[in-house]
Amino acid sequence: MRALLLGSTISPRTAAEMQRLRPELQKLVELVYCDLDQPPPDPAAKGEFLFPSADLAIVLGGDGSILRAANRFGLHQLPILGGNLGKLGFLADYTPDELLEVLPAVCAGNYRVVSHLMFLSEILRGEKIAASSLGLNETAILGGPPFQMLNIHLRVDQEWVTTYSCDGLIVSTPVGSTAHSLSAGGPILRKDLSAFVISAISPHTMTIRPLVDSADRTYELSVDQSATPASVVVDGRVLGHLGADDTVRITQAGTSFQLIEVSGRSYYRTLREKLGWSGHVRRVD
């Protein structure tokens, strides 16, 4: 199998692990590209990165590294096998040594590729698209100094839903439901569902609760002009700043994120291990 080896070379730990694993990986797959051989990509560069033809991508780091890899692939997504060097690692599910253990099964075809929802987030300024980005986790509208409450209007398929008075709003995919959305009180959605969850950050009204709706709808957000400037953040990257007449449009992308799963690793096992679900209450004396 032809594989890419991706990871942040500016991280000393990731670079060291890539160097350590590279000879072992080359015994199992044909490495046609390695980030160690290239200068770090310019984060300000526009357009998609061009990679050699490959069957899969091996990504070392954490979930952030996988988010960056998905962004680099753009509309040409590759199946990803993640090696976790971060903390939780919902997407990067294997340690580097476990990755070496499961890779022979992958090379033998004993795996499945699970597709996950991706989205397109656009800032509309009048009739023009001022900025756009493909995303995997979430689109968030966040306020800046002096950090006053925002009034954020939500429309779904052009129907007005409500106006949130809050510190910010998160529109998350199922993959992103265990990230920022979960911290804001949102529900956990199974990763292969085709849905968005909308969660307000510190809403002014206690009756406001997270909303789950189908991914095949069009979601539009706008913000009342106030002393607090509002920014659109996609997967941790600032897409742009909102003016009074701007609209954020979120739709299902024409491509999907692809994650490799090997037998023995299940969705609920990952939740139990990563979130520390023990199934019983422990008594502490």
C-alpha atoms as a PDB file:
ATOM      1  CA  MET A   1       0.000   0.000   0.000  1.00  0.00           C
ATOM      2  CA  ARG A   2       1.093   3.563  -0.741  1.00  0.00           C
ATOM      3  CA  ALA A   3       0.954   5.862   2.277  1.00  0.00           C
ATOM      4  CA  LEU A   4       1.569   9.445   3.365  1.00  0.00           C
ATOM      5  CA  LEU A   5       3.219  10.128   6.734  1.00  0.00           C
ATOM      6  CA  LEU A   6       1.961  13.419   8.145  1.00  0.00           C
ATOM      7  CA  GLY A   7       2.583  15.282  11.373  1.00  0.00           C
ATOM      8  CA  SER A   8       3.702  18.627  12.740  1.00  0.00           C
ATOM      9  CA  THR A   9       7.464  18.765  12.233  1.00  0.00           C
ATOM     10  CA  ILE A  10       7.638  21.870  14.438  1.00  0.00           C
ATOM     11  CA  SER A  11       6.636  19.682  17.397  1.00  0.00           C
ATOM     12  CA  PRO A  12       9.823  18.053  18.748  1.00  0.00           C
ATOM     13  CA  ARG A  13       7.936  15.035  20.067  1.00  0.00           C
ATOM     14  CA  THR A  14       6.033  14.435  16.829  1.00  0.00           C
ATOM     15  CA  ALA A  15       9.158  14.876  14.707  1.00  0.00           C
ATOM     16  CA  ALA A  16      11.062  12.411  16.918  1.00  0.00           C
ATOM     17  CA  GLU A  17       8.262   9.820  16.707  1.00  0.00           C
ATOM     18  CA  MET A  18       8.056  10.198  12.946  1.00  0.00           C
ATOM     19  CA  GLN A  19      11.804   9.622  12.713  1.00  0.00           C
ATOM     20  CA  ARG A  20      11.593   6.583  15.005  1.00  0.00           C
ATOM     21  CA  LEU A  21       8.634   4.956  13.261  1.00  0.00           C
ATOM     22  CA  ARG A  22       9.629   5.690   9.698  1.00  0.00           C
ATOM     23  CA  PRO A  23      11.959   2.656   9.212  1.00  0.00           C
ATOM     24  CA  GLU A  24       9.334   0.310  10.684  1.00  0.00           C
ATOM     25  CA  LEU A  25       6.568   1.781   8.569  1.00  0.00           C
ATOM     26  CA  GLN A  26       8.664   1.395   5.426  1.00  0.00           C
ATOM     27  CA  LYS A  27       8.774  -2.349   6.053  1.00  0.00           C
ATOM     28  CA  LEU A  28       4.974  -2.457   5.801  1.00  0.00           C
ATOM     29  CA  VAL A  29       3.978   0.267   3.320  1.00  0.00           C
ATOM     30  CA  GLU A  30       5.504   2.346   0.563  1.00  0.00           C
ATOM     31  CA  LEU A  31       5.919   5.838   1.981  1.00  0.00           C
ATOM     32  CA  VAL A  32       5.431   8.172  -0.959  1.00  0.00           C
ATOM     33  CA  TYR A  33       5.456  11.367   1.104  1.00  0.00           C
ATOM     34  CA  CYS A  34       6.710  12.354   4.558  1.00  0.00           C
ATOM     35  CA  ASP A  35       6.373  15.743   6.217  1.00  0.00           C
ATOM     36  CA  LEU A  36       9.907  15.320   7.585  1.00  0.00           C
ATOM     37  CA  ASP A  37      11.223  15.760   4.038  1.00  0.00           C
ATOM     38  CA  GLN A  38       9.342  19.004   3.421  1.00  0.00           C
ATOM     39  CA  PRO A  39       9.397  22.481   5.010  1.00  0.00           C
ATOM     40  CA  PRO A  40       6.414  23.194   7.305  1.00  0.00           C
ATOM     41  CA  PRO A  41       3.441  24.388   5.220  1.00  0.00           C
ATOM     42  CA  ASP A  42       2.691  28.094   5.308  1.00  0.00           C
ATOM     43  CA  PRO A  43      -0.568  28.459   7.320  1.00  0.00           C
ATOM     44  CA  ALA A  44      -1.387  31.564   5.281  1.00  0.00           C
ATOM     45  CA  ALA A  45      -1.090  29.704   1.967  1.00  0.00           C
ATOM     46  CA  LYS A  46      -4.314  29.395   0.010  1.00  0.00           C
ATOM     47  CA  GLY A  47      -5.520  26.409  -1.981  1.00  0.00           C
ATOM     48  CA  GLU A  48      -5.116  22.673  -1.533  1.00  0.00           C
ATOM     49  CA  PHE A  49      -1.821  20.896  -0.978  1.00  0.00           C
ATOM     50  CA  LEU A  50      -0.909  18.450  -3.727  1.00  0.00           C
ATOM     51  CA  PHE A  51       0.170  15.012  -2.546  1.00  0.00           C
ATOM     52  CA  PRO A  52       1.377  11.967  -4.476  1.00  0.00           C
ATOM     53  CA  SER A  53      -1.241   9.312  -5.147  1.00  0.00           C
ATOM     54  CA  ALA A  54      -1.706   7.169  -2.024  1.00  0.00           C
ATOM     55  CA  ASP A  55      -4.055   4.616  -0.461  1.00  0.00           C
ATOM     56  CA  LEU A  56      -4.045   6.072   3.042  1.00  0.00           C
ATOM     57  CA  ALA A  57      -2.494   8.700   5.284  1.00  0.00           C
ATOM     58  CA  ILE A  58      -0.781   7.918   8.585  1.00  0.00           C
ATOM     59  CA  VAL A  59      -1.108  10.973  10.829  1.00  0.00           C
ATOM     60  CA  LEU A  60       0.905  11.359  14.031  1.00  0.00           C
ATOM     61  CA  GLY A  61      -0.008  13.895  16.704  1.00  0.00           C
ATOM     62  CA  GLY A  62      -3.470  14.401  18.141  1.00  0.00           C
ATOM     63  CA  ASP A  63      -6.931  15.227  16.896  1.00  0.00           C
ATOM     64  CA  GLY A  64      -5.654  18.672  15.925  1.00  0.00           C
ATOM     65  CA  SER A  65      -3.143  17.052  13.578  1.00  0.00           C
ATOM     66  CA  ILE A  66      -5.938  15.066  11.955  1.00  0.00           C
ATOM     67  CA  LEU A  67      -8.053  18.207  11.565  1.00  0.00           C
ATOM     68  CA  ARG A  68      -5.134  19.882   9.814  1.00  0.00           C
ATOM     69  CA  ALA A  69      -4.632  16.852   7.562  1.00  0.00           C
ATOM     70  CA  ALA A  70      -8.311  16.858   6.583  1.00  0.00           C
ATOM     71  CA  ASN A  71      -8.037  20.554   5.771  1.00  0.00           C
ATOM     72  CA  ARG A  72      -4.940  19.953   3.641  1.00  0.00           C
ATOM     73  CA  PHE A  73      -6.692  17.217   1.655  1.00  0.00           C
ATOM     74  CA  GLY A  74      -9.554  19.550   0.776  1.00  0.00           C
ATOM     75  CA  LEU A  75     -12.060  17.884  -1.549  1.00  0.00           C
ATOM     76  CA  HIS A  76      -9.750  14.913  -2.114  1.00  0.00           C
ATOM     77  CA  GLN A  77      -9.952  13.128   1.224  1.00  0.00           C
ATOM     78  CA  LEU A  78      -7.829  10.041   1.964  1.00  0.00           C
ATOM     79  CA  PRO A  79      -8.523   7.342   4.576  1.00  0.00           C
ATOM     80  CA  ILE A  80      -6.623   8.292   7.737  1.00  0.00           C
ATOM     81  CA  LEU A  81      -4.997   6.091  10.361  1.00  0.00           C
ATOM     82  CA  GLY A  82      -4.149   8.194  13.411  1.00  0.00           C
ATOM     83  CA  GLY A  83      -1.366   7.738  15.937  1.00  0.00           C
ATOM     84  CA  ASN A  84      -2.086   9.645  19.148  1.00  0.00           C
ATOM     85  CA  LEU A  85       0.609  11.800  20.741  1.00  0.00           C
ATOM     86  CA  GLY A  86      -1.883  14.218  22.265  1.00  0.00           C
ATOM     87  CA  LYS A  87      -4.267  13.935  25.200  1.00  0.00           C
ATOM     88  CA  LEU A  88      -7.689  12.401  24.510  1.00  0.00           C
ATOM     89  CA  GLY A  89      -7.393  11.494  20.832  1.00  0.00           C
ATOM     90  CA  PHE A  90     -10.940  10.641  19.721  1.00  0.00           C
ATOM     91  CA  LEU A  91      -9.801  10.489  16.100  1.00  0.00           C
ATOM     92  CA  ALA A  92      -6.161   9.558  16.668  1.00  0.00           C
ATOM     93  CA  ASP A  93      -7.186   6.393  18.472  1.00  0.00           C
ATOM     94  CA  TYR A  94      -3.923   4.411  18.525  1.00  0.00           C
ATOM     95  CA  THR A  95      -0.622   4.943  20.267  1.00  0.00           C
ATOM     96  CA  PRO A  96       2.325   4.944  17.837  1.00  0.00           C
ATOM     97  CA  ASP A  97       3.279   1.400  18.852  1.00  0.00           C
ATOM     98  CA  GLU A  98      -0.330   0.204  18.516  1.00  0.00           C
ATOM     99  CA  LEU A  99      -0.331   1.737  15.064  1.00  0.00           C
ATOM    100  CA  LEU A 100       2.541  -0.558  14.074  1.00  0.00           C
ATOM    101  CA  GLU A 101       0.559  -3.518  15.436  1.00  0.00           C
ATOM    102  CA  VAL A 102      -2.625  -2.791  13.457  1.00  0.00           C
ATOM    103  CA  LEU A 103      -0.989  -1.686  10.222  1.00  0.00           C
ATOM    104  CA  PRO A 104      -0.373  -5.285   8.970  1.00  0.00           C
ATOM    105  CA  ALA A 105      -4.126  -5.934   9.293  1.00  0.00           C
ATOM    106  CA  VAL A 106      -4.805  -2.768   7.312  1.00  0.00           C
ATOM    107  CA  CYS A 107      -2.351  -3.860   4.607  1.00  0.00           C
ATOM    108  CA  ALA A 108      -4.122  -7.235   4.479  1.00  0.00           C
ATOM    109  CA  GLY A 109      -7.454  -5.508   3.930  1.00  0.00           C
ATOM    110  CA  ASN A 110      -8.856  -6.316   7.385  1.00  0.00           C
ATOM    111  CA  TYR A 111     -10.284  -2.895   8.104  1.00  0.00           C
ATOM    112  CA  ARG A 112     -13.172  -0.629   7.215  1.00  0.00           C
ATOM    113  CA  VAL A 113     -13.348   3.010   6.258  1.00  0.00           C
ATOM    114  CA  VAL A 114     -16.031   5.011   8.089  1.00  0.00           C
ATOM    115  CA  SER A 115     -17.187   8.230   6.443  1.00  0.00           C
ATOM    116  CA  HIS A 116     -17.892  11.262   8.602  1.00  0.00           C
ATOM    117  CA  LEU A 117     -19.717  14.490   7.864  1.00  0.00           C
ATOM    118  CA  MET A 118     -17.735  17.502   6.699  1.00  0.00           C
ATOM    119  CA  PHE A 119     -19.144  20.979   6.090  1.00  0.00           C
ATOM    120  CA  LEU A 120     -18.562  24.115   4.065  1.00  0.00           C
ATOM    121  CA  SER A 121     -18.640  27.356   6.040  1.00  0.00           C
ATOM    122  CA  GLU A 122     -18.961  30.623   4.093  1.00  0.00           C
ATOM    123  CA  ILE A 123     -19.108  34.303   5.040  1.00  0.00           C
ATOM    124  CA  LEU A 124     -21.516  36.088   2.706  1.00  0.00           C
ATOM    125  CA  ARG A 125     -21.072  39.829   2.259  1.00  0.00           C
ATOM    126  CA  GLY A 126     -24.030  40.871   0.179  1.00  0.00           C
ATOM    127  CA  GLU A 127     -24.126  38.538  -2.820  1.00  0.00           C
ATOM    128  CA  LYS A 128     -20.416  37.742  -2.644  1.00  0.00           C
ATOM    129  CA  ILE A 129     -18.565  35.041  -0.709  1.00  0.00           C
ATOM    130  CA  ALA A 130     -15.971  36.916   1.347  1.00  0.00           C
ATOM    131  CA  ALA A 131     -14.374  33.790   2.837  1.00  0.00           C
ATOM    132  CA  SER A 132     -14.981  30.050   2.884  1.00  0.00           C
ATOM    133  CA  SER A 133     -13.493  26.952   4.466  1.00  0.00           C
ATOM    134  CA  LEU A 134     -14.017  23.225   4.564  1.00  0.00           C
ATOM    135  CA  GLY A 135     -14.363  21.917   8.119  1.00  0.00           C
ATOM    136  CA  LEU A 136     -14.671  18.732  10.128  1.00  0.00           C
ATOM    137  CA  ASN A 137     -15.344  19.741  13.742  1.00  0.00           C
ATOM    138  CA  GLU A 138     -17.304  22.963  14.040  1.00  0.00           C
ATOM    139  CA  THR A 139     -18.058  26.510  13.064  1.00  0.00           C
ATOM    140  CA  ALA A 140     -18.155  28.883  16.023  1.00  0.00           C
ATOM    141  CA  ILE A 141     -19.161  32.524  16.290  1.00  0.00           C
ATOM    142  CA  LEU A 142     -17.180  34.080  19.120  1.00  0.00           C
ATOM    143  CA  GLY A 143     -17.025  37.583  20.519  1.00  0.00           C
ATOM    144  CA  GLY A 144     -13.934  39.637  21.303  1.00  0.00           C
ATOM    145  CA  PRO A 145     -13.135  42.561  23.585  1.00  0.00           C
ATOM    146  CA  PRO A 146     -14.967  44.090  25.406  1.00  0.00           C
ATOM    147  CA  PHE A 147     -16.726  40.684  25.567  1.00  0.00           C
ATOM    148  CA  GLN A 148     -20.331  41.784  25.720  1.00  0.00           C
ATOM    149  CA  MET A 149     -23.237  39.489  24.963  1.00  0.00           C
ATOM    150  CA  LEU A 150     -23.947  38.732  21.294  1.00  0.00           C
ATOM    151  CA  ASN A 151     -27.349  38.508  19.611  1.00  0.00           C
ATOM    152  CA  ILE A 152     -27.012  35.725  17.035  1.00  0.00           C
ATOM    153  CA  HIS A 153     -29.884  34.979  14.656  1.00  0.00           C
ATOM    154  CA  LEU A 154     -30.341  31.415  13.351  1.00  0.00           C
ATOM    155  CA  ARG A 155     -32.219  30.447  10.196  1.00  0.00           C
ATOM    156  CA  VAL A 156     -32.605  26.872   8.945  1.00  0.00           C
ATOM    157  CA  ASP A 157     -33.585  26.526   5.290  1.00  0.00           C
ATOM    158  CA  GLN A 158     -34.371  30.286   5.414  1.00  0.00           C
ATOM    159  CA  GLU A 159     -36.856  29.825   8.261  1.00  0.00           C
ATOM    160  CA  TRP A 160     -36.107  31.928  11.324  1.00  0.00           C
ATOM    161  CA  VAL A 161     -35.543  29.663  14.334  1.00  0.00           C
ATOM    162  CA  THR A 162     -34.547  32.004  17.167  1.00  0.00           C
ATOM    163  CA  THR A 163     -32.184  34.715  18.311  1.00  0.00           C
ATOM    164  CA  TYR A 164     -29.579  33.578  20.811  1.00  0.00           C
ATOM    165  CA  SER A 165     -28.402  36.085  23.403  1.00  0.00           C
ATOM    166  CA  CYS A 166     -25.154  34.445  24.425  1.00  0.00           C
ATOM    167  CA  ASP A 167     -21.368  34.645  24.509  1.00  0.00           C
ATOM    168  CA  GLY A 168     -21.091  32.607  21.321  1.00  0.00           C
ATOM    169  CA  LEU A 169     -22.648  29.858  19.214  1.00  0.00           C
ATOM    170  CA  ILE A 170     -21.249  26.535  17.990  1.00  0.00           C
ATOM    171  CA  VAL A 171     -22.526  24.559  14.997  1.00  0.00           C
ATOM    172  CA  SER A 172     -20.858  21.173  15.322  1.00  0.00           C
ATOM    173  CA  THR A 173     -20.656  17.915  13.397  1.00  0.00           C
ATOM    174  CA  PRO A 174     -20.900  14.579  15.227  1.00  0.00           C
ATOM    175  CA  VAL A 175     -17.083  14.365  15.138  1.00  0.00           C
ATOM    176  CA  GLY A 176     -16.915  17.784  16.804  1.00  0.00           C
ATOM    177  CA  SER A 177     -19.598  16.923  19.366  1.00  0.00           C
ATOM    178  CA  THR A 178     -16.909  15.601  21.745  1.00  0.00           C
ATOM    179  CA  ALA A 179     -14.879  18.810  21.462  1.00  0.00           C
ATOM    180  CA  HIS A 180     -15.883  22.468  22.060  1.00  0.00           C
ATOM    181  CA  SER A 181     -19.591  21.653  21.744  1.00  0.00           C
ATOM    182  CA  LEU A 182     -19.389  19.128  24.597  1.00  0.00           C
ATOM    183  CA  SER A 183     -17.713  21.727  26.819  1.00  0.00           C
ATOM    184  CA  ALA A 184     -20.624  24.074  26.080  1.00  0.00           C
ATOM    185  CA  GLY A 185     -23.142  21.455  27.272  1.00  0.00           C
ATOM    186  CA  GLY A 186     -23.963  19.893  23.899  1.00  0.00           C
ATOM    187  CA  PRO A 187     -24.843  16.218  23.430  1.00  0.00           C
ATOM    188  CA  ILE A 188     -22.545  13.514  22.087  1.00  0.00           C
ATOM    189  CA  LEU A 189     -23.587  12.423  18.596  1.00  0.00           C
ATOM    190  CA  ARG A 190     -22.418   9.149  17.125  1.00  0.00           C
ATOM    191  CA  LYS A 191     -19.639  10.032  14.688  1.00  0.00           C
ATOM    192  CA  ASP A 192     -21.245   8.547  11.578  1.00  0.00           C
ATOM    193  CA  LEU A 193     -24.561  10.403  11.934  1.00  0.00           C
ATOM    194  CA  SER A 194     -25.516  12.980   9.302  1.00  0.00           C
ATOM    195  CA  ALA A 195     -26.544  15.831  11.579  1.00  0.00           C
ATOM    196  CA  PHE A 196     -25.452  19.124  13.118  1.00  0.00           C
ATOM    197  CA  VAL A 197     -25.777  20.136  16.767  1.00  0.00           C
ATOM    198  CA  ILE A 198     -26.163  23.836  17.625  1.00  0.00           C
ATOM    199  CA  SER A 199     -24.997  24.814  21.111  1.00  0.00           C
ATOM    200  CA  ALA A 200     -25.041  28.273  22.681  1.00  0.00           C
ATOM    201  CA  ILE A 201     -22.169  29.363  24.907  1.00  0.00           C
ATOM    202  CA  SER A 202     -23.490  30.804  28.176  1.00  0.00           C
ATOM    203  CA  PRO A 203     -27.005  31.638  26.898  1.00  0.00           C
ATOM    204  CA  HIS A 204     -28.892  34.416  28.658  1.00  0.00           C
ATOM    205  CA  THR A 205     -32.120  32.353  28.753  1.00  0.00           C
ATOM    206  CA  MET A 206     -32.161  29.067  30.673  1.00  0.00           C
ATOM    207  CA  THR A 207     -34.736  27.567  28.282  1.00  0.00           C
ATOM    208  CA  ILE A 208     -32.194  27.610  25.443  1.00  0.00           C
ATOM    209  CA  ARG A 209     -30.986  24.052  24.868  1.00  0.00           C
ATOM    210  CA  PRO A 210     -28.796  22.420  22.203  1.00  0.00           C
ATOM    211  CA  LEU A 211     -30.589  21.724  18.924  1.00  0.00           C
ATOM    212  CA  VAL A 212     -29.916  18.739  16.641  1.00  0.00           C
ATOM    213  CA  ASP A 213     -31.062  18.820  13.015  1.00  0.00           C
ATOM    214  CA  SER A 214     -30.325  17.111   9.720  1.00  0.00           C
ATOM    215  CA  ALA A 215     -27.087  17.870   7.880  1.00  0.00           C
ATOM    216  CA  ASP A 216     -28.837  18.255   4.520  1.00  0.00           C
ATOM    217  CA  ARG A 217     -30.308  21.623   5.571  1.00  0.00           C
ATOM    218  CA  THR A 218     -28.819  25.094   5.105  1.00  0.00           C
ATOM    219  CA  TYR A 219     -27.892  26.929   8.303  1.00  0.00           C
ATOM    220  CA  GLU A 220     -27.504  30.708   8.284  1.00  0.00           C
ATOM    221  CA  LEU A 221     -26.214  32.840  11.152  1.00  0.00           C
ATOM    222  CA  SER A 222     -26.029  36.608  11.503  1.00  0.00           C
ATOM    223  CA  VAL A 223     -25.075  38.901  14.361  1.00  0.00           C
ATOM    224  CA  ASP A 224     -26.478  42.251  15.464  1.00  0.00           C
ATOM    225  CA  GLN A 225     -23.914  45.033  15.348  1.00  0.00           C
ATOM    226  CA  SER A 226     -22.583  45.745  18.835  1.00  0.00           C
ATOM    227  CA  ALA A 227     -19.494  46.984  20.639  1.00  0.00           C
ATOM    228  CA  THR A 228     -18.271  43.385  20.730  1.00  0.00           C
ATOM    229  CA  PRO A 229     -16.755  42.295  17.400  1.00  0.00           C
ATOM    230  CA  ALA A 230     -17.696  38.790  16.292  1.00  0.00           C
ATOM    231  CA  SER A 231     -15.372  36.319  14.584  1.00  0.00           C
ATOM    232  CA  VAL A 232     -16.094  33.125  12.666  1.00  0.00           C
ATOM    233  CA  VAL A 233     -13.802  30.296  13.737  1.00  0.00           C
ATOM    234  CA  VAL A 234     -13.666  27.005  11.789  1.00  0.00           C
ATOM    235  CA  ASP A 235     -11.852  24.099  13.452  1.00  0.00           C
ATOM    236  CA  GLY A 236      -9.815  26.513  15.552  1.00  0.00           C
ATOM    237  CA  ARG A 237      -8.846  28.807  12.662  1.00  0.00           C
ATOM    238  CA  VAL A 238     -10.278  32.313  12.261  1.00  0.00           C
ATOM    239  CA  LEU A 239     -12.149  32.434   8.970  1.00  0.00           C
ATOM    240  CA  GLY A 240     -13.079  36.117   9.220  1.00  0.00           C
ATOM    241  CA  HIS A 241     -14.786  38.876  11.162  1.00  0.00           C
ATOM    242  CA  LEU A 242     -18.486  39.662  10.821  1.00  0.00           C
ATOM    243  CA  GLY A 243     -20.000  42.982   9.839  1.00  0.00           C
ATOM    244  CA  ALA A 244     -23.587  44.018  10.538  1.00  0.00           C
ATOM    245  CA  ASP A 245     -24.885  42.776   7.173  1.00  0.00           C
ATOM    246  CA  ASP A 246     -22.783  39.600   6.908  1.00  0.00           C
ATOM    247  CA  THR A 247     -24.222  36.090   6.984  1.00  0.00           C
ATOM    248  CA  VAL A 248     -22.502  32.823   7.847  1.00  0.00           C
ATOM    249  CA  ARG A 249     -23.810  29.945   5.728  1.00  0.00           C
ATOM    250  CA  ILE A 250     -23.086  26.342   6.730  1.00  0.00           C
ATOM    251  CA  THR A 251     -23.899  23.417   4.444  1.00  0.00           C
ATOM    252  CA  GLN A 252     -22.918  19.800   4.124  1.00  0.00           C
ATOM    253  CA  ALA A 253     -19.720  19.449   2.092  1.00  0.00           C
ATOM    254  CA  GLY A 254     -19.481  17.493  -1.127  1.00  0.00           C
ATOM    255  CA  THR A 255     -16.822  15.266   0.417  1.00  0.00           C
ATOM    256  CA  SER A 256     -16.518  13.319   3.677  1.00  0.00           C
ATOM    257  CA  PHE A 257     -13.793  12.634   6.191  1.00  0.00           C
ATOM    258  CA  GLN A 258     -12.620   9.026   6.079  1.00  0.00           C
ATOM    259  CA  LEU A 259     -11.307   7.260   9.174  1.00  0.00           C
ATOM    260  CA  ILE A 260      -9.820   3.755   9.199  1.00  0.00           C
ATOM    261  CA  GLU A 261     -11.193   1.400  11.847  1.00  0.00           C
ATOM    262  CA  VAL A 262      -9.699  -1.981  12.687  1.00  0.00           C
ATOM    263  CA  SER A 263     -11.567  -4.824  14.397  1.00  0.00           C
ATOM    264  CA  GLY A 264     -11.495  -4.527  18.179  1.00  0.00           C
ATOM    265  CA  ARG A 265     -11.811  -0.744  18.227  1.00  0.00           C
ATOM    266  CA  SER A 266     -15.434   0.334  18.563  1.00  0.00           C
ATOM    267  CA  TYR A 267     -17.093   3.718  18.990  1.00  0.00           C
ATOM    268  CA  TYR A 268     -18.381   3.069  22.514  1.00  0.00           C
ATOM    269  CA  ARG A 269     -15.085   1.552  23.619  1.00  0.00           C
ATOM    270  CA  THR A 270     -13.405   4.779  22.555  1.00  0.00           C
ATOM    271  CA  LEU A 271     -15.933   6.856  24.526  1.00  0.00           C
ATOM    272  CA  ARG A 272     -15.458   4.696  27.632  1.00  0.00           C
ATOM    273  CA  GLU A 273     -11.690   4.959  27.498  1.00  0.00           C
ATOM    274  CA  LYS A 274     -11.358   8.603  26.520  1.00  0.00           C
ATOM    275  CA  LEU A 275     -14.089   9.997  28.799  1.00  0.00           C
ATOM    276  CA  GLY A 276     -13.389   7.703  31.732  1.00  0.00           C
ATOM    277  CA  TRP A 277     -16.820   6.095  31.838  1.00  0.00           C
ATOM    278  CA  SER A 278     -16.370   3.459  34.534  1.00  0.00           C
ATOM    279  CA  GLY A 279     -20.001   2.319  34.710  1.00  0.00           C
ATOM    280  CA  HIS A 280     -20.161   2.657  38.502  1.00  0.00           C
ATOM    281  CA  VAL A 281     -19.599   5.217  41.240  1.00  0.00           C
ATOM    282  CA  ARG A 282     -16.337   4.910  43.095  1.00  0.00           C
ATOM    283  CA  ARG A 283     -16.338   5.596  46.791  1.00  0.00           C
ATOM    284  CA  VAL A 284     -13.508   7.770  48.061  1.00  0.00           C
ATOM    285  CA  ASP A 285     -12.872   7.540  51.805  1.00  0.00           C
END
